[in-house]
C-alpha atoms as a PDB file:
ATOM      1  CA  MET A   1      11.698  -7.449  23.809  1.00  0.00           C
ATOM      2  CA  THR A   2      13.119  -6.943  20.317  1.00  0.00           C
ATOM      3  CA  THR A   3      11.096  -4.313  18.465  1.00  0.00           C
ATOM      4  CA  ARG A   4      10.855  -3.028  14.921  1.00  0.00           C
ATOM      5  CA  ILE A   5       9.180  -0.064  13.273  1.00  0.00           C
ATOM      6  CA  LEU A   6       6.709  -0.395  10.420  1.00  0.00           C
ATOM      7  CA  GLY A   7       6.201   2.611   8.193  1.00  0.00           C
ATOM      8  CA  ALA A   8       7.584   6.076   7.596  1.00  0.00           C
ATOM      9  CA  ASN A   9      11.213   5.163   8.319  1.00  0.00           C
ATOM     10  CA  GLY A  10      11.228   6.521  11.832  1.00  0.00           C
ATOM     11  CA  LEU A  11      10.086   6.188  15.404  1.00  0.00           C
ATOM     12  CA  ASN A  12       8.989   9.810  15.642  1.00  0.00           C
ATOM     13  CA  SER A  13       6.676   9.720  12.644  1.00  0.00           C
ATOM     14  CA  PRO A  14       2.947   9.662  13.443  1.00  0.00           C
ATOM     15  CA  ASN A  15       2.599   7.120  10.628  1.00  0.00           C
ATOM     16  CA  SER A  16       4.999   4.565  12.134  1.00  0.00           C
ATOM     17  CA  LEU A  17       4.013   1.545  14.213  1.00  0.00           C
ATOM     18  CA  THR A  18       6.360  -0.055  16.741  1.00  0.00           C
ATOM     19  CA  THR A  19       5.881  -3.787  17.211  1.00  0.00           C
ATOM     20  CA  SER A  20       7.739  -6.956  18.121  1.00  0.00           C
ATOM     21  CA  ALA A  21      10.181  -8.172  15.480  1.00  0.00           C
ATOM     22  CA  ILE A  22       8.053 -11.290  14.961  1.00  0.00           C
ATOM     23  CA  GLY A  23       4.270 -11.481  15.137  1.00  0.00           C
ATOM     24  CA  LEU A  24       1.758 -14.296  15.304  1.00  0.00           C
ATOM     25  CA  GLY A  25      -0.300 -15.111  12.223  1.00  0.00           C
ATOM     26  CA  CYS A  26      -3.628 -16.420  13.491  1.00  0.00           C
ATOM     27  CA  MET A  27      -5.343 -17.796  10.368  1.00  0.00           C
ATOM     28  CA  GLY A  28      -4.469 -21.418  11.142  1.00  0.00           C
ATOM     29  CA  LEU A  29      -6.312 -21.168  14.449  1.00  0.00           C
ATOM     30  CA  SER A  30      -9.565 -21.187  12.472  1.00  0.00           C
ATOM     31  CA  GLN A  31      -8.994 -22.611   8.993  1.00  0.00           C
ATOM     32  CA  GLY A  32      -6.629 -23.917   6.360  1.00  0.00           C
ATOM     33  CA  TYR A  33      -4.489 -26.431   8.240  1.00  0.00           C
ATOM     34  CA  GLY A  34      -6.811 -29.109   9.584  1.00  0.00           C
ATOM     35  CA  ALA A  35      -8.805 -29.461  12.787  1.00  0.00           C
ATOM     36  CA  THR A  36      -8.452 -26.741  15.411  1.00  0.00           C
ATOM     37  CA  ASP A  37      -9.003 -26.547  19.153  1.00  0.00           C
ATOM     38  CA  ASP A  38      -9.864 -23.200  20.730  1.00  0.00           C
ATOM     39  CA  THR A  39      -8.292 -24.110  24.075  1.00  0.00           C
ATOM     40  CA  GLU A  40      -4.975 -24.998  22.476  1.00  0.00           C
ATOM     41  CA  SER A  41      -5.179 -21.960  20.184  1.00  0.00           C
ATOM     42  CA  THR A  42      -5.744 -19.654  23.143  1.00  0.00           C
ATOM     43  CA  ALA A  43      -2.736 -21.204  24.863  1.00  0.00           C
ATOM     44  CA  ALA A  44      -0.640 -20.577  21.732  1.00  0.00           C
ATOM     45  CA  ILE A  45      -1.683 -16.912  21.612  1.00  0.00           C
ATOM     46  CA  ARG A  46      -0.790 -16.427  25.255  1.00  0.00           C
ATOM     47  CA  ALA A  47       2.498 -18.323  24.887  1.00  0.00           C
ATOM     48  CA  ALA A  48       3.447 -15.966  22.067  1.00  0.00           C
ATOM     49  CA  LEU A  49       2.491 -12.968  24.207  1.00  0.00           C
ATOM     50  CA  GLU A  50       4.544 -14.243  27.141  1.00  0.00           C
ATOM     51  CA  SER A  51       7.493 -14.739  24.767  1.00  0.00           C
ATOM     52  CA  GLY A  52       7.556 -11.096  23.718  1.00  0.00           C
ATOM     53  CA  VAL A  53       5.247 -11.144  20.675  1.00  0.00           C
ATOM     54  CA  THR A  54       3.055  -8.044  20.494  1.00  0.00           C
ATOM     55  CA  MET A  55       1.761  -8.213  16.891  1.00  0.00           C
ATOM     56  CA  PHE A  56      -1.250 -10.480  16.335  1.00  0.00           C
ATOM     57  CA  ASP A  57      -2.599 -10.792  12.796  1.00  0.00           C
ATOM     58  CA  THR A  58      -6.128 -11.909  11.948  1.00  0.00           C
ATOM     59  CA  ALA A  59      -8.845 -11.143   9.366  1.00  0.00           C
ATOM     60  CA  MET A  60     -12.600 -10.950   9.204  1.00  0.00           C
ATOM     61  CA  SER A  61     -12.616 -13.806   6.680  1.00  0.00           C
ATOM     62  CA  TYR A  62     -10.735 -16.306   8.852  1.00  0.00           C
ATOM     63  CA  GLY A  63     -13.349 -18.757  10.034  1.00  0.00           C
ATOM     64  CA  GLN A  64     -16.106 -16.259   9.109  1.00  0.00           C
ATOM     65  CA  GLY A  65     -15.326 -14.117  12.143  1.00  0.00           C
ATOM     66  CA  HIS A  66     -14.308 -16.950  14.476  1.00  0.00           C
ATOM     67  CA  ASN A  67     -10.653 -15.932  14.362  1.00  0.00           C
ATOM     68  CA  GLU A  68     -11.285 -12.360  15.470  1.00  0.00           C
ATOM     69  CA  ARG A  69     -13.526 -13.506  18.322  1.00  0.00           C
ATOM     70  CA  LEU A  70     -10.947 -16.068  19.432  1.00  0.00           C
ATOM     71  CA  LEU A  71      -8.096 -13.570  19.351  1.00  0.00           C
ATOM     72  CA  GLY A  72     -10.072 -10.904  21.165  1.00  0.00           C
ATOM     73  CA  ALA A  73     -11.056 -13.297  23.932  1.00  0.00           C
ATOM     74  CA  ALA A  74      -7.512 -14.670  24.282  1.00  0.00           C
ATOM     75  CA  LEU A  75      -5.962 -11.214  24.609  1.00  0.00           C
ATOM     76  CA  ALA A  76      -8.627  -9.760  26.894  1.00  0.00           C
ATOM     77  CA  GLY A  77      -7.044  -9.247  30.288  1.00  0.00           C
ATOM     78  CA  ALA A  78      -3.807 -10.932  29.227  1.00  0.00           C
ATOM     79  CA  ALA A  79      -1.977  -7.655  28.565  1.00  0.00           C
ATOM     80  CA  PRO A  80      -2.740  -3.924  28.658  1.00  0.00           C
ATOM     81  CA  ARG A  81      -4.387  -2.863  25.397  1.00  0.00           C
ATOM     82  CA  ASP A  82      -1.627  -0.384  24.577  1.00  0.00           C
ATOM     83  CA  GLN A  83       0.994  -3.137  24.793  1.00  0.00           C
ATOM     84  CA  VAL A  84      -0.391  -5.301  21.985  1.00  0.00           C
ATOM     85  CA  ARG A  85      -0.808  -4.564  18.291  1.00  0.00           C
ATOM     86  CA  ILE A  86      -3.927  -6.026  16.724  1.00  0.00           C
ATOM     87  CA  ALA A  87      -3.905  -6.260  12.933  1.00  0.00           C
ATOM     88  CA  THR A  88      -6.936  -7.393  10.992  1.00  0.00           C
ATOM     89  CA  LYS A  89      -8.042  -7.350   7.384  1.00  0.00           C
ATOM     90  CA  PHE A  90     -11.198  -6.849   5.348  1.00  0.00           C
ATOM     91  CA  GLY A  91     -12.096  -7.395   1.713  1.00  0.00           C
ATOM     92  CA  ILE A  92     -12.404 -11.183   1.524  1.00  0.00           C
ATOM     93  CA  VAL A  93     -15.881 -12.240   2.575  1.00  0.00           C
ATOM     94  CA  ARG A  94     -16.898 -15.791   3.421  1.00  0.00           C
ATOM     95  CA  GLY A  95     -20.602 -16.463   3.578  1.00  0.00           C
ATOM     96  CA  ALA A  96     -23.536 -18.430   2.262  1.00  0.00           C
ATOM     97  CA  ASP A  97     -22.734 -17.237  -1.264  1.00  0.00           C
ATOM     98  CA  GLY A  98     -19.164 -18.528  -1.102  1.00  0.00           C
ATOM     99  CA  VAL A  99     -15.936 -16.553  -0.949  1.00  0.00           C
ATOM    100  CA  VAL A 100     -15.951 -13.163  -2.635  1.00  0.00           C
ATOM    101  CA  LEU A 101     -13.996  -9.935  -2.786  1.00  0.00           C
ATOM    102  CA  ASP A 102     -15.586  -6.742  -1.571  1.00  0.00           C
ATOM    103  CA  GLY A 103     -13.565  -3.528  -1.623  1.00  0.00           C
ATOM    104  CA  ASN A 104     -16.598  -1.282  -2.030  1.00  0.00           C
ATOM    105  CA  PRO A 105     -15.733   1.976  -0.220  1.00  0.00           C
ATOM    106  CA  ASP A 106     -19.309   2.208   1.043  1.00  0.00           C
ATOM    107  CA  HIS A 107     -18.843  -1.054   2.957  1.00  0.00           C
ATOM    108  CA  VAL A 108     -15.492  -0.348   4.614  1.00  0.00           C
ATOM    109  CA  GLU A 109     -16.816   1.313   7.763  1.00  0.00           C
ATOM    110  CA  GLY A 110     -19.366  -1.450   8.304  1.00  0.00           C
ATOM    111  CA  TYR A 111     -16.704  -4.146   8.027  1.00  0.00           C
ATOM    112  CA  CYS A 112     -14.516  -2.257  10.493  1.00  0.00           C
ATOM    113  CA  GLU A 113     -17.355  -1.935  13.002  1.00  0.00           C
ATOM    114  CA  GLU A 114     -18.012  -5.668  12.793  1.00  0.00           C
ATOM    115  CA  SER A 115     -14.321  -6.452  13.386  1.00  0.00           C
ATOM    116  CA  LEU A 116     -14.187  -4.090  16.362  1.00  0.00           C
ATOM    117  CA  ARG A 117     -17.200  -5.825  17.860  1.00  0.00           C
ATOM    118  CA  ARG A 118     -15.781  -9.324  17.372  1.00  0.00           C
ATOM    119  CA  LEU A 119     -12.362  -8.330  18.710  1.00  0.00           C
ATOM    120  CA  GLY A 120     -13.900  -6.501  21.651  1.00  0.00           C
ATOM    121  CA  VAL A 121     -11.681  -3.440  21.226  1.00  0.00           C
ATOM    122  CA  GLU A 122     -12.222   0.258  20.550  1.00  0.00           C
ATOM    123  CA  TYR A 123      -9.590   0.585  17.841  1.00  0.00           C
ATOM    124  CA  ILE A 124      -7.529  -1.522  15.451  1.00  0.00           C
ATOM    125  CA  ASP A 125      -3.790  -0.888  15.359  1.00  0.00           C
ATOM    126  CA  LEU A 126      -3.244  -1.971  11.738  1.00  0.00           C
ATOM    127  CA  TYR A 127      -6.145  -2.337   9.309  1.00  0.00           C
ATOM    128  CA  TYR A 128      -5.380  -4.025   5.986  1.00  0.00           C
ATOM    129  CA  LEU A 129      -7.185  -4.246   2.693  1.00  0.00           C
ATOM    130  CA  HIS A 130      -6.939  -8.027   2.344  1.00  0.00           C
ATOM    131  CA  ARG A 131      -7.084  -8.058  -1.456  1.00  0.00           C
ATOM    132  CA  VAL A 132      -7.730  -5.337  -4.022  1.00  0.00           C
ATOM    133  CA  ASP A 133     -11.208  -5.641  -5.516  1.00  0.00           C
ATOM    134  CA  PRO A 134     -10.749  -5.025  -9.270  1.00  0.00           C
ATOM    135  CA  ARG A 135     -14.144  -3.309  -9.414  1.00  0.00           C
ATOM    136  CA  PHE A 136     -12.822  -0.403  -7.333  1.00  0.00           C
ATOM    137  CA  PRO A 137      -9.541   1.500  -7.747  1.00  0.00           C
ATOM    138  CA  VAL A 138      -7.364   0.907  -4.703  1.00  0.00           C
ATOM    139  CA  GLU A 139      -7.341   4.655  -4.082  1.00  0.00           C
ATOM    140  CA  GLU A 140     -11.106   4.622  -3.492  1.00  0.00           C
ATOM    141  CA  THR A 141     -10.973   1.793  -0.980  1.00  0.00           C
ATOM    142  CA  VAL A 142      -7.971   3.248   0.845  1.00  0.00           C
ATOM    143  CA  GLY A 143      -9.686   6.634   0.860  1.00  0.00           C
ATOM    144  CA  ALA A 144     -12.554   5.079   2.801  1.00  0.00           C
ATOM    145  CA  MET A 145     -10.050   3.413   5.128  1.00  0.00           C
ATOM    146  CA  SER A 146      -8.409   6.776   5.823  1.00  0.00           C
ATOM    147  CA  ARG A 147     -11.678   8.065   7.238  1.00  0.00           C
ATOM    148  CA  LEU A 148     -11.480   5.328   9.868  1.00  0.00           C
ATOM    149  CA  VAL A 149      -8.144   6.789  10.964  1.00  0.00           C
ATOM    150  CA  ASP A 150      -9.741  10.234  11.189  1.00  0.00           C
ATOM    151  CA  ALA A 151     -12.518   8.745  13.327  1.00  0.00           C
ATOM    152  CA  GLY A 152     -10.068   7.064  15.709  1.00  0.00           C
ATOM    153  CA  LYS A 153     -11.273   3.546  14.892  1.00  0.00           C
ATOM    154  CA  VAL A 154      -7.994   2.593  13.186  1.00  0.00           C
ATOM    155  CA  ARG A 155      -4.453   3.716  13.988  1.00  0.00           C
ATOM    156  CA  HIS A 156      -2.537   2.628  10.855  1.00  0.00           C
ATOM    157  CA  LEU A 157      -3.351   1.338   7.364  1.00  0.00           C
ATOM    158  CA  GLY A 158      -1.960  -1.608   5.444  1.00  0.00           C
ATOM    159  CA  VAL A 159      -2.503  -3.433   2.157  1.00  0.00           C
ATOM    160  CA  SER A 160      -2.056  -7.107   1.362  1.00  0.00           C
ATOM    161  CA  GLU A 161      -1.025  -8.926  -1.830  1.00  0.00           C
ATOM    162  CA  VAL A 162      -0.741  -5.818  -3.989  1.00  0.00           C
ATOM    163  CA  ASP A 163       1.601  -5.158  -6.884  1.00  0.00           C
ATOM    164  CA  ALA A 164       4.084  -2.295  -6.858  1.00  0.00           C
ATOM    165  CA  HIS A 165       1.786   0.097  -8.725  1.00  0.00           C
ATOM    166  CA  GLN A 166      -1.113  -0.582  -6.382  1.00  0.00           C
ATOM    167  CA  LEU A 167       1.164  -0.058  -3.393  1.00  0.00           C
ATOM    168  CA  GLU A 168       2.237   3.338  -4.705  1.00  0.00           C
ATOM    169  CA  ALA A 169      -1.359   4.338  -5.431  1.00  0.00           C
ATOM    170  CA  ALA A 170      -2.465   3.314  -1.945  1.00  0.00           C
ATOM    171  CA  ASP A 171       0.350   5.245  -0.287  1.00  0.00           C
ATOM    172  CA  ARG A 172      -0.427   8.371  -2.311  1.00  0.00           C
ATOM    173  CA  THR A 173      -3.948   8.272  -0.911  1.00  0.00           C
ATOM    174  CA  HIS A 174      -2.945   7.795   2.735  1.00  0.00           C
ATOM    175  CA  PRO A 175       0.372   6.799   4.355  1.00  0.00           C
ATOM    176  CA  VAL A 176       0.636   3.000   4.406  1.00  0.00           C
ATOM    177  CA  ALA A 177       2.448   1.499   7.385  1.00  0.00           C
ATOM    178  CA  ALA A 178       2.793  -2.069   6.082  1.00  0.00           C
ATOM    179  CA  VAL A 179       2.386  -4.287   3.069  1.00  0.00           C
ATOM    180  CA  GLN A 180       1.632  -7.945   3.730  1.00  0.00           C
ATOM    181  CA  LEU A 181       2.806 -10.582   1.261  1.00  0.00           C
ATOM    182  CA  GLU A 182       4.096 -14.120   1.072  1.00  0.00           C
ATOM    183  CA  TRP A 183       7.886 -14.083   1.464  1.00  0.00           C
ATOM    184  CA  SER A 184      10.198 -16.798   2.707  1.00  0.00           C
ATOM    185  CA  LEU A 185      13.353 -18.686   1.888  1.00  0.00           C
ATOM    186  CA  MET A 186      11.308 -20.750  -0.574  1.00  0.00           C
ATOM    187  CA  TRP A 187       9.368 -17.846  -2.140  1.00  0.00           C
ATOM    188  CA  ARG A 188      11.522 -14.907  -3.199  1.00  0.00           C
ATOM    189  CA  GLU A 189       9.436 -13.185  -5.882  1.00  0.00           C
ATOM    190  CA  PRO A 190       8.538 -10.103  -3.752  1.00  0.00           C
ATOM    191  CA  GLU A 191      12.214  -9.131  -3.798  1.00  0.00           C
ATOM    192  CA  LEU A 192      11.866  -8.249  -7.482  1.00  0.00           C
ATOM    193  CA  ASP A 193       9.454  -5.329  -7.172  1.00  0.00           C
ATOM    194  CA  VAL A 194       7.138  -5.006  -4.176  1.00  0.00           C
ATOM    195  CA  VAL A 195       9.818  -5.050  -1.462  1.00  0.00           C
ATOM    196  CA  PRO A 196      12.017  -2.448  -3.223  1.00  0.00           C
ATOM    197  CA  THR A 197       8.967  -0.243  -3.780  1.00  0.00           C
ATOM    198  CA  ALA A 198       7.958  -0.546  -0.130  1.00  0.00           C
ATOM    199  CA  ARG A 199      11.435   0.477   0.965  1.00  0.00           C
ATOM    200  CA  ARG A 200      11.510   3.440  -1.364  1.00  0.00           C
ATOM    201  CA  LEU A 201       8.226   4.611   0.140  1.00  0.00           C
ATOM    202  CA  GLY A 202       9.164   3.848   3.746  1.00  0.00           C
ATOM    203  CA  ILE A 203       6.550   1.091   4.110  1.00  0.00           C
ATOM    204  CA  GLY A 204       7.195  -1.865   6.409  1.00  0.00           C
ATOM    205  CA  VAL A 205       7.054  -5.437   5.085  1.00  0.00           C
ATOM    206  CA  VAL A 206       5.047  -8.137   6.878  1.00  0.00           C
ATOM    207  CA  PRO A 207       5.720 -11.595   5.392  1.00  0.00           C
ATOM    208  CA  TYR A 208       3.011 -14.182   5.896  1.00  0.00           C
ATOM    209  CA  SER A 209       3.773 -17.900   5.471  1.00  0.00           C
ATOM    210  CA  PRO A 210       7.407 -17.115   6.427  1.00  0.00           C
ATOM    211  CA  LEU A 211       7.844 -20.810   7.177  1.00  0.00           C
ATOM    212  CA  GLY A 212       6.643 -21.914   3.748  1.00  0.00           C
ATOM    213  CA  ARG A 213       3.221 -23.101   4.974  1.00  0.00           C
ATOM    214  CA  GLY A 214       5.056 -25.224   7.519  1.00  0.00           C
ATOM    215  CA  LEU A 215       7.538 -26.872   5.169  1.00  0.00           C
ATOM    216  CA  LEU A 216      10.499 -24.855   6.484  1.00  0.00           C
ATOM    217  CA  THR A 217       9.949 -26.204   9.994  1.00  0.00           C
ATOM    218  CA  ALA A 218      11.349 -29.585   8.822  1.00  0.00           C
ATOM    219  CA  THR A 219       8.478 -31.286  10.661  1.00  0.00           C
ATOM    220  CA  LEU A 220       6.177 -32.152   7.731  1.00  0.00           C
ATOM    221  CA  VAL A 221       7.290 -35.749   7.344  1.00  0.00           C
ATOM    222  CA  ASP A 222       3.806 -37.295   7.479  1.00  0.00           C
ATOM    223  CA  PRO A 223       1.996 -37.220   4.105  1.00  0.00           C
ATOM    224  CA  MET A 224      -1.244 -36.605   5.999  1.00  0.00           C
ATOM    225  CA  SER A 225       0.137 -33.234   7.109  1.00  0.00           C
ATOM    226  CA  VAL A 226      -0.081 -32.216   3.465  1.00  0.00           C
ATOM    227  CA  ALA A 227      -3.296 -34.003   2.548  1.00  0.00           C
ATOM    228  CA  GLU A 228      -5.375 -32.614   5.424  1.00  0.00           C
ATOM    229  CA  SER A 229      -4.561 -28.997   4.598  1.00  0.00           C
ATOM    230  CA  PRO A 230      -6.051 -27.338   1.501  1.00  0.00           C
ATOM    231  CA  PHE A 231      -3.406 -24.636   1.772  1.00  0.00           C
ATOM    232  CA  ARG A 232      -0.785 -27.319   1.189  1.00  0.00           C
ATOM    233  CA  SER A 233      -2.515 -29.968  -0.918  1.00  0.00           C
ATOM    234  CA  ASN A 234      -3.586 -27.358  -3.496  1.00  0.00           C
ATOM    235  CA  ASP A 235      -0.139 -25.779  -3.633  1.00  0.00           C
ATOM    236  CA  PRO A 236       2.089 -26.995  -6.510  1.00  0.00           C
ATOM    237  CA  ARG A 237       5.140 -26.811  -4.246  1.00  0.00           C
ATOM    238  CA  PHE A 238       3.656 -29.629  -2.147  1.00  0.00           C
ATOM    239  CA  GLN A 239       2.869 -31.951  -5.035  1.00  0.00           C
ATOM    240  CA  GLU A 240       4.677 -34.951  -6.547  1.00  0.00           C
ATOM    241  CA  HIS A 241       8.350 -34.506  -7.475  1.00  0.00           C
ATOM    242  CA  ARG A 242       8.288 -30.858  -6.449  1.00  0.00           C
ATOM    243  CA  LEU A 243       7.589 -31.757  -2.839  1.00  0.00           C
ATOM    244  CA  GLU A 244      10.494 -34.196  -2.742  1.00  0.00           C
ATOM    245  CA  ALA A 245      12.877 -31.627  -4.214  1.00  0.00           C
ATOM    246  CA  ASN A 246      11.753 -29.028  -1.693  1.00  0.00           C
ATOM    247  CA  GLN A 247      12.012 -31.485   1.183  1.00  0.00           C
ATOM    248  CA  GLN A 248      15.611 -32.118   0.162  1.00  0.00           C
ATOM    249  CA  GLN A 249      16.258 -28.391   0.464  1.00  0.00           C
ATOM    250  CA  VAL A 250      14.631 -28.434   3.906  1.00  0.00           C
ATOM    251  CA  ARG A 251      16.841 -31.302   5.026  1.00  0.00           C
ATOM    252  CA  HIS A 252      19.884 -29.216   4.119  1.00  0.00           C
ATOM    253  CA  LEU A 253      18.371 -26.279   6.013  1.00  0.00           C
ATOM    254  CA  ALA A 254      17.717 -28.398   9.090  1.00  0.00           C
ATOM    255  CA  ASP A 255      21.269 -29.801   9.093  1.00  0.00           C
ATOM    256  CA  LEU A 256      22.755 -26.323   8.815  1.00  0.00           C
ATOM    257  CA  ALA A 257      20.487 -24.917  11.523  1.00  0.00           C
ATOM    258  CA  ARG A 258      21.434 -27.774  13.821  1.00  0.00           C
ATOM    259  CA  SER A 259      25.099 -26.898  13.391  1.00  0.00           C
ATOM    260  CA  TRP A 260      24.235 -23.376  14.589  1.00  0.00           C
ATOM    261  CA  GLY A 261      22.322 -24.685  17.592  1.00  0.00           C
ATOM    262  CA  ILE A 262      18.893 -23.559  16.364  1.00  0.00           C
ATOM    263  CA  THR A 263      15.923 -25.159  14.611  1.00  0.00           C
ATOM    264  CA  ALA A 264      15.121 -25.037  10.917  1.00  0.00           C
ATOM    265  CA  ALA A 265      12.187 -22.721  11.648  1.00  0.00           C
ATOM    266  CA  GLN A 266      14.410 -20.345  13.605  1.00  0.00           C
ATOM    267  CA  ALA A 267      16.938 -20.311  10.762  1.00  0.00           C
ATOM    268  CA  ALA A 268      14.209 -19.484   8.229  1.00  0.00           C
ATOM    269  CA  LEU A 269      12.849 -16.693  10.428  1.00  0.00           C
ATOM    270  CA  GLY A 270      16.364 -15.461  11.181  1.00  0.00           C
ATOM    271  CA  TRP A 271      17.003 -15.203   7.443  1.00  0.00           C
ATOM    272  CA  LEU A 272      13.923 -13.010   6.993  1.00  0.00           C
ATOM    273  CA  LEU A 273      14.828 -10.818   9.963  1.00  0.00           C
ATOM    274  CA  ALA A 274      18.258 -10.310   8.412  1.00  0.00           C
ATOM    275  CA  GLN A 275      16.691  -8.926   5.224  1.00  0.00           C
ATOM    276  CA  GLY A 276      16.171  -5.568   6.910  1.00  0.00           C
ATOM    277  CA  PRO A 277      14.922  -3.789  10.040  1.00  0.00           C
ATOM    278  CA  ASP A 278      11.611  -3.084   8.303  1.00  0.00           C
ATOM    279  CA  VAL A 279      10.650  -6.782   8.110  1.00  0.00           C
ATOM    280  CA  VAL A 280       8.227  -8.318  10.652  1.00  0.00           C
ATOM    281  CA  PRO A 281       7.372 -11.958   9.817  1.00  0.00           C
ATOM    282  CA  ILE A 282       4.119 -13.400  11.172  1.00  0.00           C
ATOM    283  CA  PRO A 283       4.525 -17.191  11.453  1.00  0.00           C
ATOM    284  CA  GLY A 284       1.458 -19.064  12.586  1.00  0.00           C
ATOM    285  CA  SER A 285       1.201 -21.896  15.079  1.00  0.00           C
ATOM    286  CA  ARG A 286      -1.548 -23.663  16.967  1.00  0.00           C
ATOM    287  CA  ARG A 287       0.884 -25.093  19.527  1.00  0.00           C
ATOM    288  CA  PRO A 288       2.288 -23.134  22.467  1.00  0.00           C
ATOM    289  CA  ASP A 289       5.723 -24.756  22.169  1.00  0.00           C
ATOM    290  CA  ARG A 290       5.983 -23.796  18.487  1.00  0.00           C
ATOM    291  CA  ALA A 291       4.849 -20.253  19.254  1.00  0.00           C
ATOM    292  CA  ARG A 292       7.654 -19.972  21.813  1.00  0.00           C
ATOM    293  CA  GLU A 293      10.168 -21.474  19.379  1.00  0.00           C
ATOM    294  CA  ASN A 294       9.254 -18.971  16.686  1.00  0.00           C
ATOM    295  CA  ALA A 295       9.374 -16.039  19.093  1.00  0.00           C
ATOM    296  CA  ALA A 296      12.862 -17.045  20.196  1.00  0.00           C
ATOM    297  CA  ALA A 297      14.110 -16.291  16.678  1.00  0.00           C
ATOM    298  CA  MET A 298      13.671 -12.580  17.408  1.00  0.00           C
ATOM    299  CA  SER A 299      16.938 -12.551  19.318  1.00  0.00           C
ATOM    300  CA  SER A 300      19.048 -14.167  16.612  1.00  0.00           C
ATOM    301  CA  PRO A 301      18.848 -12.805  13.042  1.00  0.00           C
ATOM    302  CA  LEU A 302      21.507 -14.464  10.930  1.00  0.00           C
ATOM    303  CA  ASN A 303      24.853 -12.731  10.553  1.00  0.00           C
ATOM    304  CA  ASP A 304      26.655 -12.183   7.241  1.00  0.00           C
ATOM    305  CA  ALA A 305      28.690 -15.381   7.530  1.00  0.00           C
ATOM    306  CA  GLN A 306      25.588 -17.454   8.202  1.00  0.00           C
ATOM    307  CA  LEU A 307      23.697 -15.809   5.346  1.00  0.00           C
ATOM    308  CA  ALA A 308      26.540 -16.645   2.961  1.00  0.00           C
ATOM    309  CA  GLN A 309      26.633 -20.228   4.191  1.00  0.00           C
ATOM    310  CA  LEU A 310      22.874 -20.549   3.832  1.00  0.00           C
ATOM    311  CA  ALA A 311      22.974 -19.230   0.263  1.00  0.00           C
ATOM    312  CA  THR A 312      25.506 -21.939  -0.596  1.00  0.00           C
ATOM    313  CA  VAL A 313      23.894 -24.876   1.195  1.00  0.00           C
ATOM    314  CA  VAL A 314      20.264 -23.952   0.414  1.00  0.00           C
ATOM    315  CA  PRO A 315      20.442 -22.043  -2.897  1.00  0.00           C
ATOM    316  CA  ASP A 316      17.332 -20.121  -3.869  1.00  0.00           C
ATOM    317  CA  ASP A 317      17.256 -21.594  -7.384  1.00  0.00           C
ATOM    318  CA  ARG A 318      16.747 -25.141  -6.038  1.00  0.00           C
ATOM    319  CA  TRP A 319      13.218 -24.548  -4.759  1.00  0.00           C
ATOM    320  CA  VAL A 320      10.689 -26.071  -7.175  1.00  0.00           C
ATOM    321  CA  GLY A 321       7.152 -25.021  -8.107  1.00  0.00           C
ATOM    322  CA  ASP A 322       5.055 -21.892  -8.218  1.00  0.00           C
ATOM    323  CA  ARG A 323       2.914 -20.991  -5.238  1.00  0.00           C
ATOM    324  CA  ALA A 324      -0.793 -21.753  -5.352  1.00  0.00           C
ATOM    325  CA  SER A 325      -3.086 -19.129  -6.804  1.00  0.00           C
ATOM    326  CA  PHE A 326      -6.235 -19.002  -4.711  1.00  0.00           C
ATOM    327  CA  ALA A 327      -8.440 -16.960  -7.011  1.00  0.00           C
ATOM    328  CA  VAL A 328     -11.343 -15.202  -5.299  1.00  0.00           C
ATOM    329  CA  PRO A 329     -14.478 -14.588  -7.397  1.00  0.00           C
ATOM    330  CA  VAL A 330     -15.909 -11.096  -7.547  1.00  0.00           C
ATOM    331  CA  THR A 331     -19.600 -10.511  -7.068  1.00  0.00           C
ATOM    332  CA  THR A 332     -21.709  -7.472  -6.351  1.00  0.00           C
ATOM    333  CA  ARG A 333     -22.635  -7.112  -2.689  1.00  0.00           C
ATOM    334  CA  SER A 334     -25.433  -4.905  -1.438  1.00  0.00           C
ATOM    335  CA  THR A 335     -24.863  -5.338   2.318  1.00  0.00           C
ATOM    336  CA  VAL A 336     -21.944  -5.369   4.724  1.00  0.00           C
ATOM    337  CA  SER A 337     -23.169  -8.223   6.904  1.00  0.00           C
ATOM    338  CA  VAL A 338     -20.836 -11.224   7.212  1.00  0.00           C
END
């Protein structure tokens, strides 16, 4: 198995987390990309596990807890607990009152307890703040998270979709093992500030949507594949002339990958893996064959010659459109029930 280390720049640091070079993002098993099937999703989780994936990423908000329950059940008995890394997130709450942010420090322990119960585990390997709640300084929320580490309920802390200043503030409060953000061949903005800041601080980088919400797989040829998914249909990169321009880029990617004897998805993941040993992409898939295909990319990060060829054939300035901004309203919450 190909492994990587998240956090603290070293295997011997108590703040570092060793995991497979590629993880499995589980959100799509519950929401965002059309109809789901728990039997097929469970098969995909186990196919990833059998292919050497040890990092499984979920969140309390995905399917209002369904995703955590599904993942916990799929992993139970499939591998020794100390051989898998379970990452989950709190701070986005889906409920009867809609979707809201809640980073209230007083609610952090309650959210963690609920996630532990749904996952059926005694500790969480990597616990993320899903989004910063602007009502509470990130230091206050992370301070509450650090007490979960002291209590043995959480092993490592992470933050998701933060800016560079928030990342620094979080890490000053407690060592941060990983920052999660959208990063792929078609979305390069994190390279401007967050990724350099993470590297300066010794924080690992976990890219979600590393396959461009599926576009970089070169399999989204049916317009219904876009229309049935709110995470695509509401994204400017999947609309009108922008989609056609981006599909042209993907066709070039697929042709180049084919010449290397790999798939477009494996080339896109190989590109991310080549960005540094601190990068652990978490592509999602509901199909066992796709989970195996993605995992196979762990053994083949692109070499310098391939990276140069890719930069020429699929230039980064030819991708069109900004990514979607899924704004989450902020309301005051008086309970931690979800």
